[in-house]
PDB file of N, CA and C in Angstrom:
ATOM      1  N   MET A   1       0.844  -1.189   0.000  1.00  0.00           N
ATOM      2  CA  MET A   1       0.000   0.000   0.000  1.00  0.00           C
ATOM      3  C   MET A   1       0.879   1.240   0.000  1.00  0.00           C
ATOM      4  N   ASP A   2       0.292   2.279  -0.396  1.00  0.00           N
ATOM      5  CA  ASP A   2       0.987   3.553  -0.476  1.00  0.00           C
ATOM      6  C   ASP A   2       1.415   4.034   0.905  1.00  0.00           C
ATOM      7  N   GLU A   3       2.631   4.541   0.995  1.00  0.00           N
ATOM      8  CA  GLU A   3       3.155   5.031   2.274  1.00  0.00           C
ATOM      9  C   GLU A   3       2.279   6.118   2.871  1.00  0.00           C
ATOM     10  N   LEU A   4       1.574   6.871   2.024  1.00  0.00           N
ATOM     11  CA  LEU A   4       0.683   7.926   2.511  1.00  0.00           C
ATOM     12  C   LEU A   4      -0.367   7.366   3.470  1.00  0.00           C
ATOM     13  N   ILE A   5      -0.860   6.184   3.177  1.00  0.00           N
ATOM     14  CA  ILE A   5      -1.879   5.563   4.031  1.00  0.00           C
ATOM     15  C   ILE A   5      -1.328   5.340   5.437  1.00  0.00           C
ATOM     16  N   TRP A   6      -0.156   4.716   5.517  1.00  0.00           N
ATOM     17  CA  TRP A   6       0.422   4.377   6.820  1.00  0.00           C
ATOM     18  C   TRP A   6       0.795   5.640   7.588  1.00  0.00           C
ATOM     19  N   LYS A   7       1.403   6.605   6.893  1.00  0.00           N
ATOM     20  CA  LYS A   7       1.790   7.860   7.545  1.00  0.00           C
ATOM     21  C   LYS A   7       0.561   8.599   8.049  1.00  0.00           C
ATOM     22  N   THR A   8      -0.491   8.623   7.257  1.00  0.00           N
ATOM     23  CA  THR A   8      -1.702   9.322   7.663  1.00  0.00           C
ATOM     24  C   THR A   8      -2.372   8.627   8.845  1.00  0.00           C
ATOM     25  N   ALA A   9      -2.359   7.302   8.868  1.00  0.00           N
ATOM     26  CA  ALA A   9      -2.915   6.567  10.015  1.00  0.00           C
ATOM     27  C   ALA A   9      -2.136   6.900  11.287  1.00  0.00           C
ATOM     28  N   ARG A  10      -0.804   6.937  11.171  1.00  0.00           N
ATOM     29  CA  ARG A  10       0.016   7.279  12.339  1.00  0.00           C
ATOM     30  C   ARG A  10      -0.212   8.732  12.752  1.00  0.00           C
ATOM     31  N   ASP A  11      -0.299   9.619  11.777  1.00  0.00           N
ATOM     32  CA  ASP A  11      -0.530  11.039  12.076  1.00  0.00           C
ATOM     33  C   ASP A  11      -1.913  11.257  12.695  1.00  0.00           C
ATOM     34  N   ALA A  12      -2.914  10.514  12.213  1.00  0.00           N
ATOM     35  CA  ALA A  12      -4.257  10.631  12.780  1.00  0.00           C
ATOM     36  C   ALA A  12      -4.257  10.171  14.233  1.00  0.00           C
ATOM     37  N   ARG A  13      -3.536   9.095  14.492  1.00  0.00           N
ATOM     38  CA  ARG A  13      -3.422   8.626  15.876  1.00  0.00           C
ATOM     39  C   ARG A  13      -2.778   9.693  16.752  1.00  0.00           C
ATOM     40  N   ALA A  14      -1.701  10.294  16.286  1.00  0.00           N
ATOM     41  CA  ALA A  14      -1.007  11.334  17.061  1.00  0.00           C
ATOM     42  C   ALA A  14      -1.906  12.544  17.285  1.00  0.00           C
ATOM     43  N   TRP A  15      -2.657  12.909  16.273  1.00  0.00           N
ATOM     44  CA  TRP A  15      -3.578  14.045  16.378  1.00  0.00           C
ATOM     45  C   TRP A  15      -4.662  13.760  17.414  1.00  0.00           C
ATOM     46  N   LEU A  16      -5.233  12.555  17.350  1.00  0.00           N
ATOM     47  CA  LEU A  16      -6.255  12.168  18.326  1.00  0.00           C
ATOM     48  C   LEU A  16      -5.667  12.079  19.728  1.00  0.00           C
ATOM     49  N   ASP A  17      -4.464  11.535  19.843  1.00  0.00           N
ATOM     50  CA  ASP A  17      -3.801  11.452  21.143  1.00  0.00           C
ATOM     51  C   ASP A  17      -3.644  12.838  21.750  1.00  0.00           C
ATOM     52  N   ALA A  18      -3.194  13.786  20.939  1.00  0.00           N
ATOM     53  CA  ALA A  18      -2.967  15.153  21.431  1.00  0.00           C
ATOM     54  C   ALA A  18      -4.279  15.829  21.819  1.00  0.00           C
ATOM     55  N   ALA A  19      -5.316  15.574  21.059  1.00  0.00           N
ATOM     56  CA  ALA A  19      -6.601  16.234  21.306  1.00  0.00           C
ATOM     57  C   ALA A  19      -7.395  15.584  22.432  1.00  0.00           C
ATOM     58  N   ASN A  20      -7.337  14.242  22.514  1.00  0.00           N
ATOM     59  CA  ASN A  20      -8.242  13.510  23.405  1.00  0.00           C
ATOM     60  C   ASN A  20      -7.554  12.658  24.455  1.00  0.00           C
ATOM     61  N   GLY A  21      -6.253  12.559  24.393  1.00  0.00           N
ATOM     62  CA  GLY A  21      -5.547  11.703  25.342  1.00  0.00           C
ATOM     63  C   GLY A  21      -5.461  10.277  24.841  1.00  0.00           C
ATOM     64  N   THR A  22      -4.966   9.409  25.725  1.00  0.00           N
ATOM     65  CA  THR A  22      -4.702   8.023  25.315  1.00  0.00           C
ATOM     66  C   THR A  22      -5.255   6.988  26.290  1.00  0.00           C
ATOM     67  N   GLY A  23      -6.133   7.399  27.159  1.00  0.00           N
ATOM     68  CA  GLY A  23      -6.668   6.468  28.149  1.00  0.00           C
ATOM     69  C   GLY A  23      -7.611   5.443  27.554  1.00  0.00           C
ATOM     70  N   ASP A  24      -8.059   4.547  28.409  1.00  0.00           N
ATOM     71  CA  ASP A  24      -8.955   3.479  27.969  1.00  0.00           C
ATOM     72  C   ASP A  24     -10.271   4.013  27.407  1.00  0.00           C
ATOM     73  N   ALA A  25     -10.791   5.103  27.977  1.00  0.00           N
ATOM     74  CA  ALA A  25     -12.044   5.658  27.465  1.00  0.00           C
ATOM     75  C   ALA A  25     -11.857   6.161  26.032  1.00  0.00           C
ATOM     76  N   GLU A  26     -10.722   6.784  25.775  1.00  0.00           N
ATOM     77  CA  GLU A  26     -10.445   7.262  24.414  1.00  0.00           C
ATOM     78  C   GLU A  26     -10.256   6.100  23.454  1.00  0.00           C
ATOM     79  N   LEU A  27      -9.521   5.077  23.881  1.00  0.00           N
ATOM     80  CA  LEU A  27      -9.340   3.901  23.036  1.00  0.00           C
ATOM     81  C   LEU A  27     -10.678   3.235  22.747  1.00  0.00           C
ATOM     82  N   THR A  28     -11.525   3.160  23.745  1.00  0.00           N
ATOM     83  CA  THR A  28     -12.866   2.604  23.548  1.00  0.00           C
ATOM     84  C   THR A  28     -13.619   3.392  22.488  1.00  0.00           C
ATOM     85  N   SER A  29     -13.525   4.708  22.543  1.00  0.00           N
ATOM     86  CA  SER A  29     -14.198   5.546  21.547  1.00  0.00           C
ATOM     87  C   SER A  29     -13.671   5.264  20.149  1.00  0.00           C
ATOM     88  N   ARG A  30     -12.377   5.077  20.027  1.00  0.00           N
ATOM     89  CA  ARG A  30     -11.791   4.801  18.709  1.00  0.00           C
ATOM     90  C   ARG A  30     -12.226   3.439  18.183  1.00  0.00           C
ATOM     91  N   LEU A  31     -12.345   2.466  19.059  1.00  0.00           N
ATOM     92  CA  LEU A  31     -12.827   1.151  18.642  1.00  0.00           C
ATOM     93  C   LEU A  31     -14.307   1.207  18.262  1.00  0.00           C
ATOM     94  N   LEU A  32     -15.091   1.938  19.041  1.00  0.00           N
ATOM     95  CA  LEU A  32     -16.518   2.072  18.734  1.00  0.00           C
ATOM     96  C   LEU A  32     -16.745   2.853  17.447  1.00  0.00           C
ATOM     97  N   LYS A  33     -15.803   3.708  17.085  1.00  0.00           N
ATOM     98  CA  LYS A  33     -15.898   4.456  15.830  1.00  0.00           C
ATOM     99  C   LYS A  33     -16.001   3.501  14.646  1.00  0.00           C
ATOM    100  N   LEU A  34     -15.399   2.331  14.758  1.00  0.00           N
ATOM    101  CA  LEU A  34     -15.528   1.327  13.700  1.00  0.00           C
ATOM    102  C   LEU A  34     -16.979   0.916  13.494  1.00  0.00           C
ATOM    103  N   THR A  35     -17.698   0.749  14.594  1.00  0.00           N
ATOM    104  CA  THR A  35     -19.107   0.383  14.502  1.00  0.00           C
ATOM    105  C   THR A  35     -19.913   1.494  13.845  1.00  0.00           C
ATOM    106  N   GLU A  36     -19.603   2.725  14.203  1.00  0.00           N
ATOM    107  CA  GLU A  36     -20.282   3.865  13.585  1.00  0.00           C
ATOM    108  C   GLU A  36     -20.047   3.873  12.078  1.00  0.00           C
ATOM    109  N   GLU A  37     -18.792   3.681  11.680  1.00  0.00           N
ATOM    110  CA  GLU A  37     -18.465   3.689  10.252  1.00  0.00           C
ATOM    111  C   GLU A  37     -19.140   2.518   9.530  1.00  0.00           C
ATOM    112  N   ALA A  38     -19.172   1.355  10.165  1.00  0.00           N
ATOM    113  CA  ALA A  38     -19.845   0.201   9.565  1.00  0.00           C
ATOM    114  C   ALA A  38     -21.342   0.474   9.395  1.00  0.00           C
ATOM    115  N   GLY A  39     -21.918   1.184  10.346  1.00  0.00           N
ATOM    116  CA  GLY A  39     -23.325   1.571  10.223  1.00  0.00           C
ATOM    117  C   GLY A  39     -23.564   2.463   9.016  1.00  0.00           C
ATOM    118  N   GLU A  40     -22.588   3.311   8.707  1.00  0.00           N
ATOM    119  CA  GLU A  40     -22.711   4.169   7.532  1.00  0.00           C
ATOM    120  C   GLU A  40     -22.646   3.347   6.245  1.00  0.00           C
ATOM    121  N   VAL A  41     -21.862   2.265   6.255  1.00  0.00           N
ATOM    122  CA  VAL A  41     -21.850   1.351   5.111  1.00  0.00           C
ATOM    123  C   VAL A  41     -23.239   0.744   4.935  1.00  0.00           C
ATOM    124  N   ALA A  42     -23.808   0.267   6.039  1.00  0.00           N
ATOM    125  CA  ALA A  42     -25.139  -0.348   5.974  1.00  0.00           C
ATOM    126  C   ALA A  42     -26.177   0.640   5.468  1.00  0.00           C
ATOM    127  N   ALA A  43     -26.138   1.857   5.964  1.00  0.00           N
ATOM    128  CA  ALA A  43     -27.097   2.873   5.529  1.00  0.00           C
ATOM    129  C   ALA A  43     -26.940   3.175   4.040  1.00  0.00           C
ATOM    130  N   ALA A  44     -25.701   3.251   3.586  1.00  0.00           N
ATOM    131  CA  ALA A  44     -25.462   3.520   2.166  1.00  0.00           C
ATOM    132  C   ALA A  44     -25.967   2.370   1.302  1.00  0.00           C
ATOM    133  N   TRP A  45     -25.740   1.130   1.749  1.00  0.00           N
ATOM    134  CA  TRP A  45     -26.210  -0.016   0.967  1.00  0.00           C
ATOM    135  C   TRP A  45     -27.737  -0.047   0.917  1.00  0.00           C
ATOM    136  N   ILE A  46     -28.374   0.249   2.033  1.00  0.00           N
ATOM    137  CA  ILE A  46     -29.838   0.358   2.041  1.00  0.00           C
ATOM    138  C   ILE A  46     -30.268   1.413   1.034  1.00  0.00           C
ATOM    139  N   GLY A  47     -29.494   2.506   0.954  1.00  0.00           N
ATOM    140  CA  GLY A  47     -29.779   3.561  -0.011  1.00  0.00           C
ATOM    141  C   GLY A  47     -29.587   3.117  -1.444  1.00  0.00           C
ATOM    142  N   VAL A  48     -28.618   2.251  -1.705  1.00  0.00           N
ATOM    143  CA  VAL A  48     -28.423   1.706  -3.055  1.00  0.00           C
ATOM    144  C   VAL A  48     -29.623   0.865  -3.453  1.00  0.00           C
ATOM    145  N   LEU A  49     -30.084   0.058  -2.508  1.00  0.00           N
ATOM    146  CA  LEU A  49     -31.205  -0.836  -2.786  1.00  0.00           C
ATOM    147  C   LEU A  49     -32.552  -0.116  -2.827  1.00  0.00           C
ATOM    148  N   GLY A  50     -32.591   1.109  -2.331  1.00  0.00           N
ATOM    149  CA  GLY A  50     -33.870   1.817  -2.257  1.00  0.00           C
ATOM    150  C   GLY A  50     -34.811   1.144  -1.281  1.00  0.00           C
ATOM    151  N   GLN A  51     -34.249   0.524  -0.257  1.00  0.00           N
ATOM    152  CA  GLN A  51     -35.019  -0.282   0.681  1.00  0.00           C
ATOM    153  C   GLN A  51     -35.988   0.540   1.515  1.00  0.00           C
ATOM    154  N   ASN A  52     -35.685   1.806   1.720  1.00  0.00           N
ATOM    155  CA  ASN A  52     -36.597   2.671   2.471  1.00  0.00           C
ATOM    156  C   ASN A  52     -37.534   3.339   1.466  1.00  0.00           C
ATOM    157  N   PRO A  53     -38.808   2.929   1.441  1.00  0.00           N
ATOM    158  CA  PRO A  53     -39.726   3.459   0.425  1.00  0.00           C
ATOM    159  C   PRO A  53     -39.945   4.973   0.546  1.00  0.00           C
ATOM    160  N   ARG A  54     -39.752   5.500   1.727  1.00  0.00           N
ATOM    161  CA  ARG A  54     -39.917   6.938   1.906  1.00  0.00           C
ATOM    162  C   ARG A  54     -38.793   7.717   1.233  1.00  0.00           C
ATOM    163  N   LYS A  55     -37.604   7.123   1.198  1.00  0.00           N
ATOM    164  CA  LYS A  55     -36.440   7.817   0.638  1.00  0.00           C
ATOM    165  C   LYS A  55     -36.098   7.383  -0.778  1.00  0.00           C
ATOM    166  N   GLY A  56     -36.382   6.128  -1.112  1.00  0.00           N
ATOM    167  CA  GLY A  56     -36.003   5.621  -2.426  1.00  0.00           C
ATOM    168  C   GLY A  56     -34.508   5.385  -2.510  1.00  0.00           C
ATOM    169  N   VAL A  57     -33.985   5.395  -3.737  1.00  0.00           N
ATOM    170  CA  VAL A  57     -32.557   5.197  -3.961  1.00  0.00           C
ATOM    171  C   VAL A  57     -31.834   6.493  -3.614  1.00  0.00           C
ATOM    172  N   THR A  58     -30.898   6.383  -2.670  1.00  0.00           N
ATOM    173  CA  THR A  58     -30.218   7.585  -2.170  1.00  0.00           C
ATOM    174  C   THR A  58     -28.700   7.519  -2.310  1.00  0.00           C
ATOM    175  N   HIS A  59     -28.159   6.342  -2.640  1.00  0.00           N
ATOM    176  CA  HIS A  59     -26.708   6.183  -2.688  1.00  0.00           C
ATOM    177  C   HIS A  59     -26.305   5.388  -3.927  1.00  0.00           C
ATOM    178  N   THR A  60     -25.019   5.463  -4.239  1.00  0.00           N
ATOM    179  CA  THR A  60     -24.444   4.688  -5.329  1.00  0.00           C
ATOM    180  C   THR A  60     -23.478   3.655  -4.755  1.00  0.00           C
ATOM    181  N   ARG A  61     -23.101   2.704  -5.582  1.00  0.00           N
ATOM    182  CA  ARG A  61     -22.101   1.717  -5.160  1.00  0.00           C
ATOM    183  C   ARG A  61     -20.777   2.409  -4.842  1.00  0.00           C
ATOM    184  N   ALA A  62     -20.456   3.453  -5.573  1.00  0.00           N
ATOM    185  CA  ALA A  62     -19.222   4.192  -5.293  1.00  0.00           C
ATOM    186  C   ALA A  62     -19.276   4.809  -3.900  1.00  0.00           C
ATOM    187  N   GLU A  63     -20.434   5.271  -3.485  1.00  0.00           N
ATOM    188  CA  GLU A  63     -20.570   5.827  -2.133  1.00  0.00           C
ATOM    189  C   GLU A  63     -20.435   4.734  -1.073  1.00  0.00           C
ATOM    190  N   VAL A  64     -20.955   3.547  -1.372  1.00  0.00           N
ATOM    191  CA  VAL A  64     -20.776   2.411  -0.451  1.00  0.00           C
ATOM    192  C   VAL A  64     -19.289   2.091  -0.338  1.00  0.00           C
ATOM    193  N   ALA A  65     -18.593   2.063  -1.457  1.00  0.00           N
ATOM    194  CA  ALA A  65     -17.163   1.775  -1.446  1.00  0.00           C
ATOM    195  C   ALA A  65     -16.400   2.829  -0.642  1.00  0.00           C
ATOM    196  N   ALA A  66     -16.786   4.087  -0.772  1.00  0.00           N
ATOM    197  CA  ALA A  66     -16.133   5.149  -0.002  1.00  0.00           C
ATOM    198  C   ALA A  66     -16.362   4.943   1.498  1.00  0.00           C
ATOM    199  N   GLU A  67     -17.553   4.512   1.872  1.00  0.00           N
ATOM    200  CA  GLU A  67     -17.829   4.225   3.281  1.00  0.00           C
ATOM    201  C   GLU A  67     -17.002   3.031   3.766  1.00  0.00           C
ATOM    202  N   LEU A  68     -16.837   2.023   2.909  1.00  0.00           N
ATOM    203  CA  LEU A  68     -15.996   0.880   3.271  1.00  0.00           C
ATOM    204  C   LEU A  68     -14.547   1.322   3.468  1.00  0.00           C
ATOM    205  N   ALA A  69     -14.086   2.243   2.643  1.00  0.00           N
ATOM    206  CA  ALA A  69     -12.730   2.768   2.812  1.00  0.00           C
ATOM    207  C   ALA A  69     -12.609   3.482   4.153  1.00  0.00           C
ATOM    208  N   ASP A  70     -13.660   4.210   4.553  1.00  0.00           N
ATOM    209  CA  ASP A  70     -13.654   4.851   5.868  1.00  0.00           C
ATOM    210  C   ASP A  70     -13.500   3.821   6.978  1.00  0.00           C
ATOM    211  N   VAL A  71     -14.199   2.687   6.845  1.00  0.00           N
ATOM    212  CA  VAL A  71     -14.088   1.615   7.843  1.00  0.00           C
ATOM    213  C   VAL A  71     -12.651   1.112   7.895  1.00  0.00           C
ATOM    214  N   ALA A  72     -12.073   0.855   6.727  1.00  0.00           N
ATOM    215  CA  ALA A  72     -10.711   0.328   6.677  1.00  0.00           C
ATOM    216  C   ALA A  72      -9.719   1.301   7.306  1.00  0.00           C
ATOM    217  N   PHE A  73      -9.843   2.577   6.977  1.00  0.00           N
ATOM    218  CA  PHE A  73      -8.904   3.555   7.520  1.00  0.00           C
ATOM    219  C   PHE A  73      -9.087   3.709   9.027  1.00  0.00           C
ATOM    220  N   THR A  74     -10.331   3.715   9.478  1.00  0.00           N
ATOM    221  CA  THR A  74     -10.615   3.817  10.905  1.00  0.00           C
ATOM    222  C   THR A  74     -10.016   2.630  11.646  1.00  0.00           C
ATOM    223  N   ALA A  75     -10.059   1.454  11.035  1.00  0.00           N
ATOM    224  CA  ALA A  75      -9.444   0.270  11.653  1.00  0.00           C
ATOM    225  C   ALA A  75      -7.930   0.440  11.760  1.00  0.00           C
ATOM    226  N   LEU A  76      -7.312   1.018  10.744  1.00  0.00           N
ATOM    227  CA  LEU A  76      -5.858   1.242  10.803  1.00  0.00           C
ATOM    228  C   LEU A  76      -5.499   2.191  11.937  1.00  0.00           C
ATOM    229  N   VAL A  77      -6.283   3.249  12.101  1.00  0.00           N
ATOM    230  CA  VAL A  77      -6.035   4.193  13.192  1.00  0.00           C
ATOM    231  C   VAL A  77      -6.234   3.490  14.540  1.00  0.00           C
ATOM    232  N   ALA A  78      -7.238   2.648  14.635  1.00  0.00           N
ATOM    233  CA  ALA A  78      -7.480   1.915  15.889  1.00  0.00           C
ATOM    234  C   ALA A  78      -6.309   0.981  16.208  1.00  0.00           C
ATOM    235  N   ILE A  79      -5.773   0.312  15.199  1.00  0.00           N
ATOM    236  CA  ILE A  79      -4.620  -0.565  15.425  1.00  0.00           C
ATOM    237  C   ILE A  79      -3.446   0.252  15.933  1.00  0.00           C
ATOM    238  N   GLU A  80      -3.187   1.378  15.286  1.00  0.00           N
ATOM    239  CA  GLU A  80      -2.096   2.248  15.735  1.00  0.00           C
ATOM    240  C   GLU A  80      -2.349   2.734  17.167  1.00  0.00           C
ATOM    241  N   SER A  81      -3.612   2.985  17.492  1.00  0.00           N
ATOM    242  CA  SER A  81      -3.966   3.457  18.829  1.00  0.00           C
ATOM    243  C   SER A  81      -3.733   2.401  19.897  1.00  0.00           C
ATOM    244  N   LEU A  82      -3.710   1.145  19.482  1.00  0.00           N
ATOM    245  CA  LEU A  82      -3.377   0.059  20.400  1.00  0.00           C
ATOM    246  C   LEU A  82      -1.867  -0.039  20.623  1.00  0.00           C
ATOM    247  N   GLY A  83      -1.121   0.817  19.937  1.00  0.00           N
ATOM    248  CA  GLY A  83       0.329   0.808  20.077  1.00  0.00           C
ATOM    249  C   GLY A  83       1.008  -0.199  19.170  1.00  0.00           C
ATOM    250  N   LEU A  84       0.301  -0.641  18.152  1.00  0.00           N
ATOM    251  CA  LEU A  84       0.827  -1.648  17.233  1.00  0.00           C
ATOM    252  C   LEU A  84       0.983  -1.043  15.840  1.00  0.00           C
ATOM    253  N   ASP A  85       1.743  -1.712  14.998  1.00  0.00           N
ATOM    254  CA  ASP A  85       2.006  -1.226  13.658  1.00  0.00           C
ATOM    255  C   ASP A  85       0.962  -1.773  12.691  1.00  0.00           C
ATOM    256  N   ALA A  86       0.114  -0.885  12.183  1.00  0.00           N
ATOM    257  CA  ALA A  86      -0.986  -1.299  11.316  1.00  0.00           C
ATOM    258  C   ALA A  86      -0.478  -1.936  10.026  1.00  0.00           C
ATOM    259  N   GLU A  87       0.595  -1.415   9.475  1.00  0.00           N
ATOM    260  CA  GLU A  87       1.129  -1.967   8.224  1.00  0.00           C
ATOM    261  C   GLU A  87       1.559  -3.418   8.413  1.00  0.00           C
ATOM    262  N   THR A  88       2.289  -3.687   9.472  1.00  0.00           N
ATOM    263  CA  THR A  88       2.751  -5.044   9.758  1.00  0.00           C
ATOM    264  C   THR A  88       1.574  -5.982   9.978  1.00  0.00           C
ATOM    265  N   LEU A  89       0.608  -5.535  10.759  1.00  0.00           N
ATOM    266  CA  LEU A  89      -0.544  -6.399  11.058  1.00  0.00           C
ATOM    267  C   LEU A  89      -1.410  -6.653   9.837  1.00  0.00           C
ATOM    268  N   LEU A  90      -1.601  -5.638   9.008  1.00  0.00           N
ATOM    269  CA  LEU A  90      -2.422  -5.833   7.816  1.00  0.00           C
ATOM    270  C   LEU A  90      -1.715  -6.751   6.821  1.00  0.00           C
ATOM    271  N   SER A  91      -0.403  -6.613   6.710  1.00  0.00           N
ATOM    272  CA  SER A  91       0.361  -7.514   5.841  1.00  0.00           C
ATOM    273  C   SER A  91       0.246  -8.958   6.328  1.00  0.00           C
ATOM    274  N   ALA A  92       0.352  -9.157   7.633  1.00  0.00           N
ATOM    275  CA  ALA A  92       0.214 -10.507   8.193  1.00  0.00           C
ATOM    276  C   ALA A  92      -1.187 -11.061   7.937  1.00  0.00           C
ATOM    277  N   CYS A  93      -2.173 -10.205   8.045  1.00  0.00           N
ATOM    278  CA  CYS A  93      -3.553 -10.625   7.784  1.00  0.00           C
ATOM    279  C   CYS A  93      -3.720 -11.037   6.322  1.00  0.00           C
ATOM    280  N   ALA A  94      -3.128 -10.270   5.414  1.00  0.00           N
ATOM    281  CA  ALA A  94      -3.207 -10.600   3.987  1.00  0.00           C
ATOM    282  C   ALA A  94      -2.505 -11.915   3.692  1.00  0.00           C
ATOM    283  N   GLU A  95      -1.347 -12.128   4.321  1.00  0.00           N
ATOM    284  CA  GLU A  95      -0.628 -13.392   4.132  1.00  0.00           C
ATOM    285  C   GLU A  95      -1.459 -14.567   4.619  1.00  0.00           C
ATOM    286  N   LYS A  96      -2.106 -14.397   5.750  1.00  0.00           N
ATOM    287  CA  LYS A  96      -2.964 -15.455   6.300  1.00  0.00           C
ATOM    288  C   LYS A  96      -4.136 -15.737   5.352  1.00  0.00           C
ATOM    289  N   ALA A  97      -4.738 -14.689   4.842  1.00  0.00           N
ATOM    290  CA  ALA A  97      -5.851 -14.859   3.893  1.00  0.00           C
ATOM    291  C   ALA A  97      -5.369 -15.519   2.619  1.00  0.00           C
ATOM    292  N   ARG A  98      -4.170 -15.186   2.165  1.00  0.00           N
ATOM    293  CA  ARG A  98      -3.611 -15.741   0.951  1.00  0.00           C
ATOM    294  C   ARG A  98      -3.466 -17.252   1.048  1.00  0.00           C
ATOM    295  N   THR A  99      -3.095 -17.741   2.239  1.00  0.00           N
ATOM    296  CA  THR A  99      -2.919 -19.190   2.413  1.00  0.00           C
ATOM    297  C   THR A  99      -4.237 -19.937   2.274  1.00  0.00           C
ATOM    298  N   ARG A 100      -5.323 -19.249   2.499  1.00  0.00           N
ATOM    299  CA  ARG A 100      -6.636 -19.884   2.397  1.00  0.00           C
ATOM    300  C   ARG A 100      -7.146 -19.938   0.960  1.00  0.00           C
ATOM    301  N   LEU A 101      -6.478 -19.237   0.066  1.00  0.00           N
ATOM    302  CA  LEU A 101      -6.936 -19.166  -1.320  1.00  0.00           C
ATOM    303  C   LEU A 101      -6.465 -20.348  -2.157  1.00  0.00           C
ATOM    304  N   THR A 102      -5.530 -21.121  -1.637  1.00  0.00           N
ATOM    305  CA  THR A 102      -4.999 -22.227  -2.430  1.00  0.00           C
ATOM    306  C   THR A 102      -5.537 -23.556  -1.967  1.00  0.00           C
TER     307      THR A 102
END
């Protein structure tokens, strides 16, 4: 992945640390942020399907993909907030997934 992603995840963690601290309550908020972002994916997909008859079709697949990217980036920041290296962990996760493909 592009170095910009990893640097931005680390910088976002530092920015949040400076603004909100690093205690367990703050870490909990960062982990719960993943759920919030996932909810936005669900809402966007409902909007693609036009599942809410009052609203109709409100989103595109590209908007769903953008929300999924938000989830992924938020997860990287959360990993960094745990004091771990998101790049290393994501690479290990990809390697593990790769072994299941054969």
